[in-house]
Amino acid sequence: MASSLTRDELISIFEQEQGRCHYCGKLIIKPRFNPLDPRGFDHIIPRVKGGKNEKQNIVVCCGKCNALKADTGAVGGLLFRIRGVHRE
């Protein structure tokens, strides 16, 4: 996923998002967080739509939102946060 980002950059993104999914706000438990696991992150602009592996294009994302958002892009993803598709 984010091969051009360092482990420290991914940890920085996690801390910037305060350990919460960018879309639904779900808290991601830090001891289980693995910055090398791409499932904990999402491209705001999907790579298939020209998004880059850059810090500005990566957010923390829970598995459910990542699966729901797929490659819809940021606009579709933000609807999940606004409508509260799921909360745990």
C-alpha atoms as a PDB file:
ATOM      1  CA  MET A   1       0.000   0.000   0.000  1.00  0.00           C
ATOM      2  CA  ALA A   2       2.180   2.817   1.263  1.00  0.00           C
ATOM      3  CA  SER A   3       5.586   1.532   0.247  1.00  0.00           C
ATOM      4  CA  SER A   4       6.929   5.038  -0.355  1.00  0.00           C
ATOM      5  CA  LEU A   5       6.086   6.085   3.223  1.00  0.00           C
ATOM      6  CA  THR A   6       8.319   5.222   6.142  1.00  0.00           C
ATOM      7  CA  ARG A   7       7.165   3.479   9.297  1.00  0.00           C
ATOM      8  CA  ASP A   8       7.619   6.779  11.173  1.00  0.00           C
ATOM      9  CA  GLU A   9       5.440   8.617   8.644  1.00  0.00           C
ATOM     10  CA  LEU A  10       2.673   6.040   9.042  1.00  0.00           C
ATOM     11  CA  ILE A  11       2.895   6.300  12.832  1.00  0.00           C
ATOM     12  CA  SER A  12       2.705  10.088  12.466  1.00  0.00           C
ATOM     13  CA  ILE A  13      -0.492   9.757  10.401  1.00  0.00           C
ATOM     14  CA  PHE A  14      -1.946   7.438  13.070  1.00  0.00           C
ATOM     15  CA  GLU A  15      -1.127   9.948  15.818  1.00  0.00           C
ATOM     16  CA  GLN A  16      -2.432  12.887  13.776  1.00  0.00           C
ATOM     17  CA  GLU A  17      -5.776  11.081  13.422  1.00  0.00           C
ATOM     18  CA  GLN A  18      -5.660  10.373  17.184  1.00  0.00           C
ATOM     19  CA  GLY A  19      -5.959   6.659  16.468  1.00  0.00           C
ATOM     20  CA  ARG A  20      -9.421   7.023  14.976  1.00  0.00           C
ATOM     21  CA  CYS A  21     -10.835   6.019  11.620  1.00  0.00           C
ATOM     22  CA  HIS A  22     -10.928   9.097   9.403  1.00  0.00           C
ATOM     23  CA  TYR A  23     -14.420   8.233   8.138  1.00  0.00           C
ATOM     24  CA  CYS A  24     -16.446   6.891  11.084  1.00  0.00           C
ATOM     25  CA  GLY A  25     -14.350   7.938  14.067  1.00  0.00           C
ATOM     26  CA  LYS A  26     -13.948   4.422  15.447  1.00  0.00           C
ATOM     27  CA  LEU A  27     -11.018   4.172  17.854  1.00  0.00           C
ATOM     28  CA  ILE A  28      -8.361   1.795  16.585  1.00  0.00           C
ATOM     29  CA  ILE A  29      -6.608   0.165  19.532  1.00  0.00           C
ATOM     30  CA  LYS A  30      -2.955   1.184  19.418  1.00  0.00           C
ATOM     31  CA  PRO A  31      -1.453  -2.077  20.765  1.00  0.00           C
ATOM     32  CA  ARG A  32      -3.075  -3.883  17.824  1.00  0.00           C
ATOM     33  CA  PHE A  33      -2.095  -1.165  15.343  1.00  0.00           C
ATOM     34  CA  ASN A  34       0.614  -2.237  12.930  1.00  0.00           C
ATOM     35  CA  PRO A  35       1.931   0.591  10.734  1.00  0.00           C
ATOM     36  CA  LEU A  36       3.173  -1.958   8.214  1.00  0.00           C
ATOM     37  CA  ASP A  37      -0.318  -3.441   7.723  1.00  0.00           C
ATOM     38  CA  PRO A  38      -2.006  -1.630   4.823  1.00  0.00           C
ATOM     39  CA  ARG A  39      -5.474  -2.516   6.103  1.00  0.00           C
ATOM     40  CA  GLY A  40      -5.182   0.214   8.760  1.00  0.00           C
ATOM     41  CA  PHE A  41      -4.793   2.955   6.157  1.00  0.00           C
ATOM     42  CA  ASP A  42      -6.644   4.256   3.141  1.00  0.00           C
ATOM     43  CA  HIS A  43      -5.831   6.427   0.147  1.00  0.00           C
ATOM     44  CA  ILE A  44      -8.152   9.457   0.182  1.00  0.00           C
ATOM     45  CA  ILE A  45      -7.903   9.549  -3.585  1.00  0.00           C
ATOM     46  CA  PRO A  46      -7.681   5.888  -4.613  1.00  0.00           C
ATOM     47  CA  ARG A  47      -4.588   4.814  -6.519  1.00  0.00           C
ATOM     48  CA  VAL A  48      -6.798   3.569  -9.360  1.00  0.00           C
ATOM     49  CA  LYS A  49      -8.023   7.158  -9.715  1.00  0.00           C
ATOM     50  CA  GLY A  50      -4.552   8.688  -9.713  1.00  0.00           C
ATOM     51  CA  GLY A  51      -3.988   8.982  -5.965  1.00  0.00           C
ATOM     52  CA  LYS A  52      -0.393   8.913  -4.785  1.00  0.00           C
ATOM     53  CA  ASN A  53       1.401   7.132  -1.951  1.00  0.00           C
ATOM     54  CA  GLU A  54       2.000  10.434  -0.181  1.00  0.00           C
ATOM     55  CA  LYS A  55       1.398  11.415   3.425  1.00  0.00           C
ATOM     56  CA  GLN A  56      -1.248  13.952   2.356  1.00  0.00           C
ATOM     57  CA  ASN A  57      -3.251  11.201   0.639  1.00  0.00           C
ATOM     58  CA  ILE A  58      -3.204   8.602   3.435  1.00  0.00           C
ATOM     59  CA  VAL A  59      -5.577   8.409   6.401  1.00  0.00           C
ATOM     60  CA  VAL A  60      -6.247   5.933   9.188  1.00  0.00           C
ATOM     61  CA  CYS A  61      -9.180   3.723   8.248  1.00  0.00           C
ATOM     62  CA  CYS A  62     -10.953   0.863  10.007  1.00  0.00           C
ATOM     63  CA  GLY A  63     -11.554  -2.335   8.069  1.00  0.00           C
ATOM     64  CA  LYS A  64     -15.303  -1.777   7.661  1.00  0.00           C
ATOM     65  CA  CYS A  65     -14.934   1.711   6.203  1.00  0.00           C
ATOM     66  CA  ASN A  66     -12.091   0.582   3.987  1.00  0.00           C
ATOM     67  CA  ALA A  67     -14.291  -2.170   2.575  1.00  0.00           C
ATOM     68  CA  LEU A  68     -17.335   0.110   2.228  1.00  0.00           C
ATOM     69  CA  LYS A  69     -15.398   2.954   0.624  1.00  0.00           C
ATOM     70  CA  ALA A  70     -13.498   0.725  -1.804  1.00  0.00           C
ATOM     71  CA  ASP A  71     -12.392   3.034  -4.633  1.00  0.00           C
ATOM     72  CA  THR A  72     -15.164   5.641  -4.331  1.00  0.00           C
ATOM     73  CA  GLY A  73     -12.758   8.464  -3.410  1.00  0.00           C
ATOM     74  CA  ALA A  74     -12.913  11.012  -0.634  1.00  0.00           C
ATOM     75  CA  VAL A  75     -16.393  12.347  -1.362  1.00  0.00           C
ATOM     76  CA  GLY A  76     -18.026   8.939  -1.054  1.00  0.00           C
ATOM     77  CA  GLY A  77     -15.924   8.165   2.002  1.00  0.00           C
ATOM     78  CA  LEU A  78     -16.893  11.337   3.804  1.00  0.00           C
ATOM     79  CA  LEU A  79     -20.541  10.342   3.480  1.00  0.00           C
ATOM     80  CA  PHE A  80     -19.828   7.429   5.801  1.00  0.00           C
ATOM     81  CA  ARG A  81     -18.724   9.824   8.562  1.00  0.00           C
ATOM     82  CA  ILE A  82     -21.652  12.189   8.042  1.00  0.00           C
ATOM     83  CA  ARG A  83     -24.330   9.501   7.860  1.00  0.00           C
ATOM     84  CA  GLY A  84     -22.752   7.266  10.498  1.00  0.00           C
ATOM     85  CA  VAL A  85     -23.033   4.069   8.453  1.00  0.00           C
ATOM     86  CA  HIS A  86     -21.586   2.147  11.370  1.00  0.00           C
ATOM     87  CA  ARG A  87     -20.512   2.912  14.919  1.00  0.00           C
ATOM     88  CA  GLU A  88     -18.969   0.569  17.403  1.00  0.00           C
END
